[in-house]
Amino acid sequence: MNVLEVDGFKAKIEFDPDLDLFRGEILGLNGSADFYGKSPASLRKEFKNSLKVFLEVCEEKGIEPTKEFSGKFNLRIPPRLHSEISAKAAASNKSINQWVVEVLEESVNE
C-alpha cells in the first residue's frame, strides 16, 4: 500500500485506471474524505484541500474529525502460531502482549 502523509494525516493512494488518476483516501477520520491527482504534487495539493474542507465541516457540525482508538483489538490466529508466539515471548522474558507490541512497532516503523 502506498501512503502519503500531510500535516500528520495519512492517506492510502491507489491508481484508478478508469479515470487514469491516482485516488487518495484519508485514513483515521470519522467520515470519508478522498481526493484525486495525476502527479505527486497534485495529490498533495488535493489532499490538503480535501482535508481542509473535511476539518471545516467537522468544526461547523461540532464533530470530532478523527477516530478514537482504545488500544485494544481482538486477533484470531492459528493455535500453532499462538504457541510459537508464546515461546518467543517467554524466551525474551516478556508477556505475549509486550512481545507482540514490539514486533508490531518494528513492522510499522520499517
PDB file of N, CA and C in Angstrom:
ATOM      1  N   MET A   1       0.853  -1.178   0.000  1.00  0.00           N
ATOM      2  CA  MET A   1       0.000   0.000   0.000  1.00  0.00           C
ATOM      3  C   MET A   1       0.895   1.236   0.000  1.00  0.00           C
ATOM      4  N   ASN A   2       0.552   2.168  -0.825  1.00  0.00           N
ATOM      5  CA  ASN A   2       1.258   3.443  -0.872  1.00  0.00           C
ATOM      6  C   ASN A   2       0.558   4.417   0.061  1.00  0.00           C
ATOM      7  N   VAL A   3       1.348   5.079   0.904  1.00  0.00           N
ATOM      8  CA  VAL A   3       0.798   6.018   1.882  1.00  0.00           C
ATOM      9  C   VAL A   3       1.437   7.382   1.669  1.00  0.00           C
ATOM     10  N   LEU A   4       0.605   8.408   1.701  1.00  0.00           N
ATOM     11  CA  LEU A   4       1.043   9.789   1.592  1.00  0.00           C
ATOM     12  C   LEU A   4       0.677  10.472   2.899  1.00  0.00           C
ATOM     13  N   GLU A   5       1.596  11.254   3.467  1.00  0.00           N
ATOM     14  CA  GLU A   5       1.335  11.932   4.731  1.00  0.00           C
ATOM     15  C   GLU A   5       1.416  13.440   4.534  1.00  0.00           C
ATOM     16  N   VAL A   6       0.410  14.139   5.056  1.00  0.00           N
ATOM     17  CA  VAL A   6       0.346  15.600   5.009  1.00  0.00           C
ATOM     18  C   VAL A   6      -0.184  16.086   6.350  1.00  0.00           C
ATOM     19  N   ASP A   7       0.550  16.988   6.985  1.00  0.00           N
ATOM     20  CA  ASP A   7       0.122  17.600   8.253  1.00  0.00           C
ATOM     21  C   ASP A   7      -0.261  16.565   9.311  1.00  0.00           C
ATOM     22  N   GLY A   8       0.458  15.444   9.337  1.00  0.00           N
ATOM     23  CA  GLY A   8       0.207  14.409  10.342  1.00  0.00           C
ATOM     24  C   GLY A   8      -0.925  13.460   9.990  1.00  0.00           C
ATOM     25  N   PHE A   9      -1.616  13.691   8.883  1.00  0.00           N
ATOM     26  CA  PHE A   9      -2.676  12.797   8.426  1.00  0.00           C
ATOM     27  C   PHE A   9      -2.102  11.910   7.320  1.00  0.00           C
ATOM     28  N   LYS A  10      -2.613  10.683   7.242  1.00  0.00           N
ATOM     29  CA  LYS A  10      -2.140   9.731   6.241  1.00  0.00           C
ATOM     30  C   LYS A  10      -3.279   9.371   5.305  1.00  0.00           C
ATOM     31  N   ALA A  11      -2.912   9.098   4.065  1.00  0.00           N
ATOM     32  CA  ALA A  11      -3.875   8.646   3.069  1.00  0.00           C
ATOM     33  C   ALA A  11      -3.287   7.492   2.290  1.00  0.00           C
ATOM     34  N   LYS A  12      -4.126   6.517   1.988  1.00  0.00           N
ATOM     35  CA  LYS A  12      -3.666   5.441   1.104  1.00  0.00           C
ATOM     36  C   LYS A  12      -3.914   5.887  -0.322  1.00  0.00           C
ATOM     37  N   ILE A  13      -2.971   5.573  -1.176  1.00  0.00           N
ATOM     38  CA  ILE A  13      -3.009   6.001  -2.568  1.00  0.00           C
ATOM     39  C   ILE A  13      -3.102   4.771  -3.477  1.00  0.00           C
ATOM     40  N   GLU A  14      -4.049   4.807  -4.402  1.00  0.00           N
ATOM     41  CA  GLU A  14      -4.213   3.745  -5.382  1.00  0.00           C
ATOM     42  C   GLU A  14      -4.423   4.368  -6.755  1.00  0.00           C
ATOM     43  N   PHE A  15      -4.111   3.617  -7.779  1.00  0.00           N
ATOM     44  CA  PHE A  15      -4.327   4.097  -9.135  1.00  0.00           C
ATOM     45  C   PHE A  15      -5.695   3.646  -9.625  1.00  0.00           C
ATOM     46  N   ASP A  16      -6.467   4.567 -10.181  1.00  0.00           N
ATOM     47  CA  ASP A  16      -7.780   4.259 -10.750  1.00  0.00           C
ATOM     48  C   ASP A  16      -7.638   4.259 -12.275  1.00  0.00           C
ATOM     49  N   PRO A  17      -7.552   3.067 -12.884  1.00  0.00           N
ATOM     50  CA  PRO A  17      -7.332   3.003 -14.329  1.00  0.00           C
ATOM     51  C   PRO A  17      -8.509   3.544 -15.138  1.00  0.00           C
ATOM     52  N   ASP A  18      -9.723   3.491 -14.580  1.00  0.00           N
ATOM     53  CA  ASP A  18     -10.880   4.011 -15.312  1.00  0.00           C
ATOM     54  C   ASP A  18     -10.801   5.521 -15.485  1.00  0.00           C
ATOM     55  N   LEU A  19     -10.274   6.206 -14.469  1.00  0.00           N
ATOM     56  CA  LEU A  19     -10.147   7.666 -14.523  1.00  0.00           C
ATOM     57  C   LEU A  19      -8.760   8.114 -14.974  1.00  0.00           C
ATOM     58  N   ASP A  20      -7.813   7.170 -15.010  1.00  0.00           N
ATOM     59  CA  ASP A  20      -6.424   7.475 -15.318  1.00  0.00           C
ATOM     60  C   ASP A  20      -5.863   8.510 -14.328  1.00  0.00           C
ATOM     61  N   LEU A  21      -6.241   8.327 -13.056  1.00  0.00           N
ATOM     62  CA  LEU A  21      -5.806   9.215 -11.973  1.00  0.00           C
ATOM     63  C   LEU A  21      -5.449   8.384 -10.754  1.00  0.00           C
ATOM     64  N   PHE A  22      -4.657   8.985  -9.882  1.00  0.00           N
ATOM     65  CA  PHE A  22      -4.402   8.388  -8.582  1.00  0.00           C
ATOM     66  C   PHE A  22      -5.489   8.868  -7.635  1.00  0.00           C
ATOM     67  N   ARG A  23      -5.971   7.956  -6.786  1.00  0.00           N
ATOM     68  CA  ARG A  23      -7.008   8.278  -5.806  1.00  0.00           C
ATOM     69  C   ARG A  23      -6.422   8.122  -4.419  1.00  0.00           C
ATOM     70  N   GLY A  24      -6.674   9.108  -3.580  1.00  0.00           N
ATOM     71  CA  GLY A  24      -6.253   9.042  -2.193  1.00  0.00           C
ATOM     72  C   GLY A  24      -7.456   9.003  -1.279  1.00  0.00           C
ATOM     73  N   GLU A  25      -7.351   8.223  -0.215  1.00  0.00           N
ATOM     74  CA  GLU A  25      -8.388   8.160   0.812  1.00  0.00           C
ATOM     75  C   GLU A  25      -7.724   8.457   2.149  1.00  0.00           C
ATOM     76  N   ILE A  26      -8.168   9.525   2.814  1.00  0.00           N
ATOM     77  CA  ILE A  26      -7.570   9.914   4.087  1.00  0.00           C
ATOM     78  C   ILE A  26      -8.005   8.915   5.155  1.00  0.00           C
ATOM     79  N   LEU A  27      -7.034   8.436   5.908  1.00  0.00           N
ATOM     80  CA  LEU A  27      -7.258   7.385   6.902  1.00  0.00           C
ATOM     81  C   LEU A  27      -7.470   7.963   8.298  1.00  0.00           C
ATOM     82  N   GLY A  28      -8.215   7.229   9.121  1.00  0.00           N
ATOM     83  CA  GLY A  28      -8.369   7.576  10.531  1.00  0.00           C
ATOM     84  C   GLY A  28      -9.362   8.685  10.812  1.00  0.00           C
ATOM     85  N   LEU A  29     -10.204   9.001   9.843  1.00  0.00           N
ATOM     86  CA  LEU A  29     -11.191  10.061  10.035  1.00  0.00           C
ATOM     87  C   LEU A  29     -12.526   9.482  10.488  1.00  0.00           C
ATOM     88  N   ASN A  30     -13.349  10.326  11.075  1.00  0.00           N
ATOM     89  CA  ASN A  30     -14.698   9.938  11.472  1.00  0.00           C
ATOM     90  C   ASN A  30     -15.668  10.098  10.313  1.00  0.00           C
ATOM     91  N   GLY A  31     -15.210   9.935   9.137  1.00  0.00           N
ATOM     92  CA  GLY A  31     -16.016  10.063   7.938  1.00  0.00           C
ATOM     93  C   GLY A  31     -15.134   9.761   6.749  1.00  0.00           C
ATOM     94  N   SER A  32     -15.624  10.089   5.585  1.00  0.00           N
ATOM     95  CA  SER A  32     -14.892   9.773   4.373  1.00  0.00           C
ATOM     96  C   SER A  32     -14.395  11.044   3.704  1.00  0.00           C
ATOM     97  N   ALA A  33     -13.144  11.027   3.290  1.00  0.00           N
ATOM     98  CA  ALA A  33     -12.574  12.140   2.534  1.00  0.00           C
ATOM     99  C   ALA A  33     -11.590  11.557   1.539  1.00  0.00           C
ATOM    100  N   ASP A  34     -11.821  11.835   0.266  1.00  0.00           N
ATOM    101  CA  ASP A  34     -10.905  11.338  -0.753  1.00  0.00           C
ATOM    102  C   ASP A  34     -10.535  12.467  -1.700  1.00  0.00           C
ATOM    103  N   PHE A  35      -9.591  12.168  -2.580  1.00  0.00           N
ATOM    104  CA  PHE A  35      -9.065  13.177  -3.497  1.00  0.00           C
ATOM    105  C   PHE A  35      -8.396  12.465  -4.664  1.00  0.00           C
ATOM    106  N   TYR A  36      -8.202  13.190  -5.761  1.00  0.00           N
ATOM    107  CA  TYR A  36      -7.613  12.624  -6.971  1.00  0.00           C
ATOM    108  C   TYR A  36      -6.504  13.530  -7.493  1.00  0.00           C
ATOM    109  N   GLY A  37      -5.540  12.932  -8.195  1.00  0.00           N
ATOM    110  CA  GLY A  37      -4.482  13.713  -8.803  1.00  0.00           C
ATOM    111  C   GLY A  37      -3.715  12.897  -9.825  1.00  0.00           C
ATOM    112  N   LYS A  38      -3.045  13.592 -10.735  1.00  0.00           N
ATOM    113  CA  LYS A  38      -2.249  12.924 -11.776  1.00  0.00           C
ATOM    114  C   LYS A  38      -0.792  12.731 -11.359  1.00  0.00           C
ATOM    115  N   SER A  39      -0.326  13.548 -10.417  1.00  0.00           N
ATOM    116  CA  SER A  39       1.091  13.518 -10.033  1.00  0.00           C
ATOM    117  C   SER A  39       1.195  13.629  -8.511  1.00  0.00           C
ATOM    118  N   PRO A  40       2.382  13.340  -7.975  1.00  0.00           N
ATOM    119  CA  PRO A  40       2.561  13.520  -6.532  1.00  0.00           C
ATOM    120  C   PRO A  40       2.242  14.941  -6.073  1.00  0.00           C
ATOM    121  N   ALA A  41       2.645  15.936  -6.847  1.00  0.00           N
ATOM    122  CA  ALA A  41       2.378  17.325  -6.468  1.00  0.00           C
ATOM    123  C   ALA A  41       0.879  17.607  -6.439  1.00  0.00           C
ATOM    124  N   SER A  42       0.162  17.136  -7.454  1.00  0.00           N
ATOM    125  CA  SER A  42      -1.283  17.388  -7.476  1.00  0.00           C
ATOM    126  C   SER A  42      -1.998  16.584  -6.393  1.00  0.00           C
ATOM    127  N   LEU A  43      -1.495  15.390  -6.086  1.00  0.00           N
ATOM    128  CA  LEU A  43      -2.074  14.604  -4.987  1.00  0.00           C
ATOM    129  C   LEU A  43      -1.922  15.339  -3.655  1.00  0.00           C
ATOM    130  N   ARG A  44      -0.732  15.883  -3.389  1.00  0.00           N
ATOM    131  CA  ARG A  44      -0.517  16.619  -2.137  1.00  0.00           C
ATOM    132  C   ARG A  44      -1.441  17.838  -2.048  1.00  0.00           C
ATOM    133  N   LYS A  45      -1.557  18.547  -3.149  1.00  0.00           N
ATOM    134  CA  LYS A  45      -2.420  19.737  -3.185  1.00  0.00           C
ATOM    135  C   LYS A  45      -3.870  19.352  -2.912  1.00  0.00           C
ATOM    136  N   GLU A  46      -4.356  18.328  -3.581  1.00  0.00           N
ATOM    137  CA  GLU A  46      -5.746  17.911  -3.410  1.00  0.00           C
ATOM    138  C   GLU A  46      -5.975  17.287  -2.037  1.00  0.00           C
ATOM    139  N   PHE A  47      -4.952  16.604  -1.501  1.00  0.00           N
ATOM    140  CA  PHE A  47      -5.021  16.063  -0.142  1.00  0.00           C
ATOM    141  C   PHE A  47      -5.269  17.213   0.827  1.00  0.00           C
ATOM    142  N   LYS A  48      -4.467  18.260   0.732  1.00  0.00           N
ATOM    143  CA  LYS A  48      -4.619  19.416   1.626  1.00  0.00           C
ATOM    144  C   LYS A  48      -5.994  20.050   1.481  1.00  0.00           C
ATOM    145  N   ASN A  49      -6.467  20.197   0.251  1.00  0.00           N
ATOM    146  CA  ASN A  49      -7.783  20.795   0.022  1.00  0.00           C
ATOM    147  C   ASN A  49      -8.900  19.943   0.624  1.00  0.00           C
ATOM    148  N   SER A  50      -8.852  18.641   0.363  1.00  0.00           N
ATOM    149  CA  SER A  50      -9.877  17.733   0.867  1.00  0.00           C
ATOM    150  C   SER A  50      -9.874  17.709   2.394  1.00  0.00           C
ATOM    151  N   LEU A  51      -8.682  17.664   2.976  1.00  0.00           N
ATOM    152  CA  LEU A  51      -8.567  17.654   4.435  1.00  0.00           C
ATOM    153  C   LEU A  51      -9.102  18.958   5.031  1.00  0.00           C
ATOM    154  N   LYS A  52      -8.767  20.071   4.420  1.00  0.00           N
ATOM    155  CA  LYS A  52      -9.228  21.375   4.900  1.00  0.00           C
ATOM    156  C   LYS A  52     -10.753  21.435   4.913  1.00  0.00           C
ATOM    157  N   VAL A  53     -11.371  21.011   3.835  1.00  0.00           N
ATOM    158  CA  VAL A  53     -12.836  21.012   3.745  1.00  0.00           C
ATOM    159  C   VAL A  53     -13.429  20.082   4.803  1.00  0.00           C
ATOM    160  N   PHE A  54     -12.867  18.889   4.933  1.00  0.00           N
ATOM    161  CA  PHE A  54     -13.368  17.926   5.916  1.00  0.00           C
ATOM    162  C   PHE A  54     -13.289  18.511   7.327  1.00  0.00           C
ATOM    163  N   LEU A  55     -12.148  19.103   7.675  1.00  0.00           N
ATOM    164  CA  LEU A  55     -11.972  19.665   9.020  1.00  0.00           C
ATOM    165  C   LEU A  55     -12.919  20.845   9.248  1.00  0.00           C
ATOM    166  N   GLU A  56     -13.147  21.651   8.234  1.00  0.00           N
ATOM    167  CA  GLU A  56     -14.082  22.782   8.358  1.00  0.00           C
ATOM    168  C   GLU A  56     -15.503  22.289   8.618  1.00  0.00           C
ATOM    169  N   VAL A  57     -15.925  21.269   7.891  1.00  0.00           N
ATOM    170  CA  VAL A  57     -17.270  20.711   8.081  1.00  0.00           C
ATOM    171  C   VAL A  57     -17.403  20.128   9.486  1.00  0.00           C
ATOM    172  N   CYS A  58     -16.385  19.427   9.942  1.00  0.00           N
ATOM    173  CA  CYS A  58     -16.413  18.857  11.293  1.00  0.00           C
ATOM    174  C   CYS A  58     -16.544  19.961  12.334  1.00  0.00           C
ATOM    175  N   GLU A  59     -15.800  21.047  12.153  1.00  0.00           N
ATOM    176  CA  GLU A  59     -15.862  22.152  13.102  1.00  0.00           C
ATOM    177  C   GLU A  59     -17.247  22.792  13.100  1.00  0.00           C
ATOM    178  N   GLU A  60     -17.816  23.000  11.913  1.00  0.00           N
ATOM    179  CA  GLU A  60     -19.151  23.586  11.801  1.00  0.00           C
ATOM    180  C   GLU A  60     -20.205  22.736  12.501  1.00  0.00           C
ATOM    181  N   LYS A  61     -20.061  21.404  12.383  1.00  0.00           N
ATOM    182  CA  LYS A  61     -21.050  20.481  12.946  1.00  0.00           C
ATOM    183  C   LYS A  61     -20.712  20.026  14.361  1.00  0.00           C
ATOM    184  N   GLY A  62     -19.561  20.460  14.881  1.00  0.00           N
ATOM    185  CA  GLY A  62     -19.154  20.055  16.221  1.00  0.00           C
ATOM    186  C   GLY A  62     -18.799  18.585  16.334  1.00  0.00           C
ATOM    187  N   ILE A  63     -18.233  18.061  15.271  1.00  0.00           N
ATOM    188  CA  ILE A  63     -17.861  16.638  15.220  1.00  0.00           C
ATOM    189  C   ILE A  63     -16.354  16.509  15.387  1.00  0.00           C
ATOM    190  N   GLU A  64     -15.929  15.539  16.188  1.00  0.00           N
ATOM    191  CA  GLU A  64     -14.506  15.228  16.312  1.00  0.00           C
ATOM    192  C   GLU A  64     -14.051  14.627  14.975  1.00  0.00           C
ATOM    193  N   PRO A  65     -13.036  15.207  14.318  1.00  0.00           N
ATOM    194  CA  PRO A  65     -12.668  14.749  12.974  1.00  0.00           C
ATOM    195  C   PRO A  65     -11.982  13.389  12.902  1.00  0.00           C
ATOM    196  N   THR A  66     -11.288  12.985  13.965  1.00  0.00           N
ATOM    197  CA  THR A  66     -10.549  11.726  13.901  1.00  0.00           C
ATOM    198  C   THR A  66     -11.174  10.663  14.786  1.00  0.00           C
ATOM    199  N   LYS A  67     -10.983   9.419  14.373  1.00  0.00           N
ATOM    200  CA  LYS A  67     -11.461   8.279  15.141  1.00  0.00           C
ATOM    201  C   LYS A  67     -10.647   8.161  16.426  1.00  0.00           C
ATOM    202  N   GLU A  68     -11.293   7.693  17.463  1.00  0.00           N
ATOM    203  CA  GLU A  68     -10.607   7.389  18.719  1.00  0.00           C
ATOM    204  C   GLU A  68     -10.302   5.892  18.726  1.00  0.00           C
ATOM    205  N   PHE A  69      -9.103   5.535  19.156  1.00  0.00           N
ATOM    206  CA  PHE A  69      -8.723   4.132  19.245  1.00  0.00           C
ATOM    207  C   PHE A  69      -8.483   3.768  20.704  1.00  0.00           C
ATOM    208  N   SER A  70      -9.011   2.634  21.129  1.00  0.00           N
ATOM    209  CA  SER A  70      -8.914   2.211  22.527  1.00  0.00           C
ATOM    210  C   SER A  70      -7.556   1.614  22.862  1.00  0.00           C
ATOM    211  N   GLY A  71      -6.842   1.146  21.847  1.00  0.00           N
ATOM    212  CA  GLY A  71      -5.588   0.462  22.105  1.00  0.00           C
ATOM    213  C   GLY A  71      -5.796  -1.033  22.309  1.00  0.00           C
ATOM    214  N   LYS A  72      -7.016  -1.496  22.088  1.00  0.00           N
ATOM    215  CA  LYS A  72      -7.322  -2.919  22.231  1.00  0.00           C
ATOM    216  C   LYS A  72      -7.940  -3.421  20.938  1.00  0.00           C
ATOM    217  N   PHE A  73      -7.553  -4.630  20.542  1.00  0.00           N
ATOM    218  CA  PHE A  73      -8.236  -5.302  19.439  1.00  0.00           C
ATOM    219  C   PHE A  73      -8.070  -6.798  19.607  1.00  0.00           C
ATOM    220  N   ASN A  74      -9.059  -7.540  19.155  1.00  0.00           N
ATOM    221  CA  ASN A  74      -9.010  -8.996  19.218  1.00  0.00           C
ATOM    222  C   ASN A  74      -8.361  -9.518  17.949  1.00  0.00           C
ATOM    223  N   LEU A  75      -7.595 -10.549  18.118  1.00  0.00           N
ATOM    224  CA  LEU A  75      -6.890 -11.136  16.990  1.00  0.00           C
ATOM    225  C   LEU A  75      -7.035 -12.646  17.054  1.00  0.00           C
ATOM    226  N   ARG A  76      -7.518 -13.235  15.971  1.00  0.00           N
ATOM    227  CA  ARG A  76      -7.625 -14.688  15.905  1.00  0.00           C
ATOM    228  C   ARG A  76      -6.471 -15.204  15.053  1.00  0.00           C
ATOM    229  N   ILE A  77      -5.732 -16.139  15.629  1.00  0.00           N
ATOM    230  CA  ILE A  77      -4.585 -16.713  14.926  1.00  0.00           C
ATOM    231  C   ILE A  77      -4.624 -18.229  15.079  1.00  0.00           C
ATOM    232  N   PRO A  78      -3.951 -18.936  14.207  1.00  0.00           N
ATOM    233  CA  PRO A  78      -3.916 -20.400  14.335  1.00  0.00           C
ATOM    234  C   PRO A  78      -3.215 -20.805  15.640  1.00  0.00           C
ATOM    235  N   PRO A  79      -3.673 -21.905  16.255  1.00  0.00           N
ATOM    236  CA  PRO A  79      -3.074 -22.366  17.511  1.00  0.00           C
ATOM    237  C   PRO A  79      -1.557 -22.553  17.426  1.00  0.00           C
ATOM    238  N   ARG A  80      -1.068 -23.058  16.293  1.00  0.00           N
ATOM    239  CA  ARG A  80       0.377 -23.259  16.134  1.00  0.00           C
ATOM    240  C   ARG A  80       1.117 -21.936  16.248  1.00  0.00           C
ATOM    241  N   LEU A  81       0.595 -20.886  15.613  1.00  0.00           N
ATOM    242  CA  LEU A  81       1.217 -19.566  15.682  1.00  0.00           C
ATOM    243  C   LEU A  81       1.156 -19.021  17.104  1.00  0.00           C
ATOM    244  N   HIS A  82       0.039 -19.226  17.785  1.00  0.00           N
ATOM    245  CA  HIS A  82      -0.108 -18.792  19.179  1.00  0.00           C
ATOM    246  C   HIS A  82       0.973 -19.442  20.042  1.00  0.00           C
ATOM    247  N   SER A  83       1.190 -20.733  19.814  1.00  0.00           N
ATOM    248  CA  SER A  83       2.216 -21.461  20.559  1.00  0.00           C
ATOM    249  C   SER A  83       3.610 -20.905  20.287  1.00  0.00           C
ATOM    250  N   GLU A  84       3.907 -20.625  19.032  1.00  0.00           N
ATOM    251  CA  GLU A  84       5.218 -20.068  18.664  1.00  0.00           C
ATOM    252  C   GLU A  84       5.428 -18.682  19.278  1.00  0.00           C
ATOM    253  N   ILE A  85       4.400 -17.867  19.243  1.00  0.00           N
ATOM    254  CA  ILE A  85       4.491 -16.523  19.832  1.00  0.00           C
ATOM    255  C   ILE A  85       4.712 -16.624  21.332  1.00  0.00           C
ATOM    256  N   SER A  86       3.987 -17.515  21.962  1.00  0.00           N
ATOM    257  CA  SER A  86       4.138 -17.710  23.404  1.00  0.00           C
ATOM    258  C   SER A  86       5.570 -18.121  23.754  1.00  0.00           C
ATOM    259  N   ALA A  87       6.142 -19.028  22.967  1.00  0.00           N
ATOM    260  CA  ALA A  87       7.518 -19.491  23.211  1.00  0.00           C
ATOM    261  C   ALA A  87       8.513 -18.351  23.001  1.00  0.00           C
ATOM    262  N   LYS A  88       8.341 -17.571  21.928  1.00  0.00           N
ATOM    263  CA  LYS A  88       9.246 -16.438  21.668  1.00  0.00           C
ATOM    264  C   LYS A  88       9.165 -15.410  22.793  1.00  0.00           C
ATOM    265  N   ALA A  89       7.954 -15.122  23.244  1.00  0.00           N
ATOM    266  CA  ALA A  89       7.779 -14.146  24.317  1.00  0.00           C
ATOM    267  C   ALA A  89       8.428 -14.638  25.608  1.00  0.00           C
ATOM    268  N   ALA A  90       8.189 -15.891  25.943  1.00  0.00           N
ATOM    269  CA  ALA A  90       8.771 -16.456  27.161  1.00  0.00           C
ATOM    270  C   ALA A  90      10.297 -16.463  27.090  1.00  0.00           C
ATOM    271  N   ALA A  91      10.838 -16.783  25.939  1.00  0.00           N
ATOM    272  CA  ALA A  91      12.290 -16.804  25.765  1.00  0.00           C
ATOM    273  C   ALA A  91      12.880 -15.402  25.902  1.00  0.00           C
ATOM    274  N   SER A  92      12.073 -14.383  25.653  1.00  0.00           N
ATOM    275  CA  SER A  92      12.523 -12.990  25.784  1.00  0.00           C
ATOM    276  C   SER A  92      12.172 -12.393  27.142  1.00  0.00           C
ATOM    277  N   ASN A  93      11.645 -13.249  28.044  1.00  0.00           N
ATOM    278  CA  ASN A  93      11.200 -12.790  29.369  1.00  0.00           C
ATOM    279  C   ASN A  93      10.171 -11.657  29.261  1.00  0.00           C
ATOM    280  N   LYS A  94       9.236 -11.826  28.323  1.00  0.00           N
ATOM    281  CA  LYS A  94       8.196 -10.830  28.102  1.00  0.00           C
ATOM    282  C   LYS A  94       6.845 -11.517  28.057  1.00  0.00           C
ATOM    283  N   SER A  95       5.804 -10.743  28.334  1.00  0.00           N
ATOM    284  CA  SER A  95       4.456 -11.270  28.130  1.00  0.00           C
ATOM    285  C   SER A  95       4.192 -11.338  26.633  1.00  0.00           C
ATOM    286  N   ILE A  96       3.199 -12.097  26.254  1.00  0.00           N
ATOM    287  CA  ILE A  96       2.827 -12.152  24.835  1.00  0.00           C
ATOM    288  C   ILE A  96       2.494 -10.740  24.358  1.00  0.00           C
ATOM    289  N   ASN A  97       1.751  -9.989  25.160  1.00  0.00           N
ATOM    290  CA  ASN A  97       1.364  -8.636  24.766  1.00  0.00           C
ATOM    291  C   ASN A  97       2.594  -7.765  24.519  1.00  0.00           C
ATOM    292  N   GLN A  98       3.545  -7.779  25.447  1.00  0.00           N
ATOM    293  CA  GLN A  98       4.762  -6.974  25.280  1.00  0.00           C
ATOM    294  C   GLN A  98       5.512  -7.367  24.010  1.00  0.00           C
ATOM    295  N   TRP A  99       5.651  -8.664  23.790  1.00  0.00           N
ATOM    296  CA  TRP A  99       6.390  -9.153  22.633  1.00  0.00           C
ATOM    297  C   TRP A  99       5.704  -8.744  21.331  1.00  0.00           C
ATOM    298  N   VAL A 100       4.384  -8.936  21.272  1.00  0.00           N
ATOM    299  CA  VAL A 100       3.635  -8.596  20.060  1.00  0.00           C
ATOM    300  C   VAL A 100       3.682  -7.093  19.798  1.00  0.00           C
ATOM    301  N   VAL A 101       3.555  -6.275  20.840  1.00  0.00           N
ATOM    302  CA  VAL A 101       3.638  -4.820  20.658  1.00  0.00           C
ATOM    303  C   VAL A 101       4.981  -4.446  20.037  1.00  0.00           C
ATOM    304  N   GLU A 102       6.065  -5.021  20.532  1.00  0.00           N
ATOM    305  CA  GLU A 102       7.394  -4.726  19.977  1.00  0.00           C
ATOM    306  C   GLU A 102       7.499  -5.136  18.510  1.00  0.00           C
ATOM    307  N   VAL A 103       6.995  -6.309  18.182  1.00  0.00           N
ATOM    308  CA  VAL A 103       7.045  -6.790  16.799  1.00  0.00           C
ATOM    309  C   VAL A 103       6.214  -5.876  15.892  1.00  0.00           C
ATOM    310  N   LEU A 104       5.037  -5.489  16.353  1.00  0.00           N
ATOM    311  CA  LEU A 104       4.190  -4.595  15.554  1.00  0.00           C
ATOM    312  C   LEU A 104       4.830  -3.223  15.381  1.00  0.00           C
ATOM    313  N   GLU A 105       5.423  -2.698  16.453  1.00  0.00           N
ATOM    314  CA  GLU A 105       6.103  -1.395  16.348  1.00  0.00           C
ATOM    315  C   GLU A 105       7.258  -1.452  15.349  1.00  0.00           C
ATOM    316  N   GLU A 106       8.023  -2.523  15.393  1.00  0.00           N
ATOM    317  CA  GLU A 106       9.116  -2.678  14.430  1.00  0.00           C
ATOM    318  C   GLU A 106       8.580  -2.712  13.003  1.00  0.00           C
ATOM    319  N   SER A 107       7.496  -3.431  12.800  1.00  0.00           N
ATOM    320  CA  SER A 107       6.912  -3.547  11.468  1.00  0.00           C
ATOM    321  C   SER A 107       6.390  -2.192  10.967  1.00  0.00           C
ATOM    322  N   VAL A 108       5.729  -1.448  11.823  1.00  0.00           N
ATOM    323  CA  VAL A 108       5.170  -0.151  11.439  1.00  0.00           C
ATOM    324  C   VAL A 108       6.269   0.859  11.164  1.00  0.00           C
ATOM    325  N   ASN A 109       7.380   0.761  11.875  1.00  0.00           N
ATOM    326  CA  ASN A 109       8.469   1.736  11.732  1.00  0.00           C
ATOM    327  C   ASN A 109       9.435   1.418  10.597  1.00  0.00           C
ATOM    328  N   GLU A 110       9.239   0.290   9.910  1.00  0.00           N
ATOM    329  CA  GLU A 110      10.134  -0.067   8.789  1.00  0.00           C
ATOM    330  C   GLU A 110      10.012   0.898   7.651  1.00  0.00           C
TER     331      GLU A 110
END
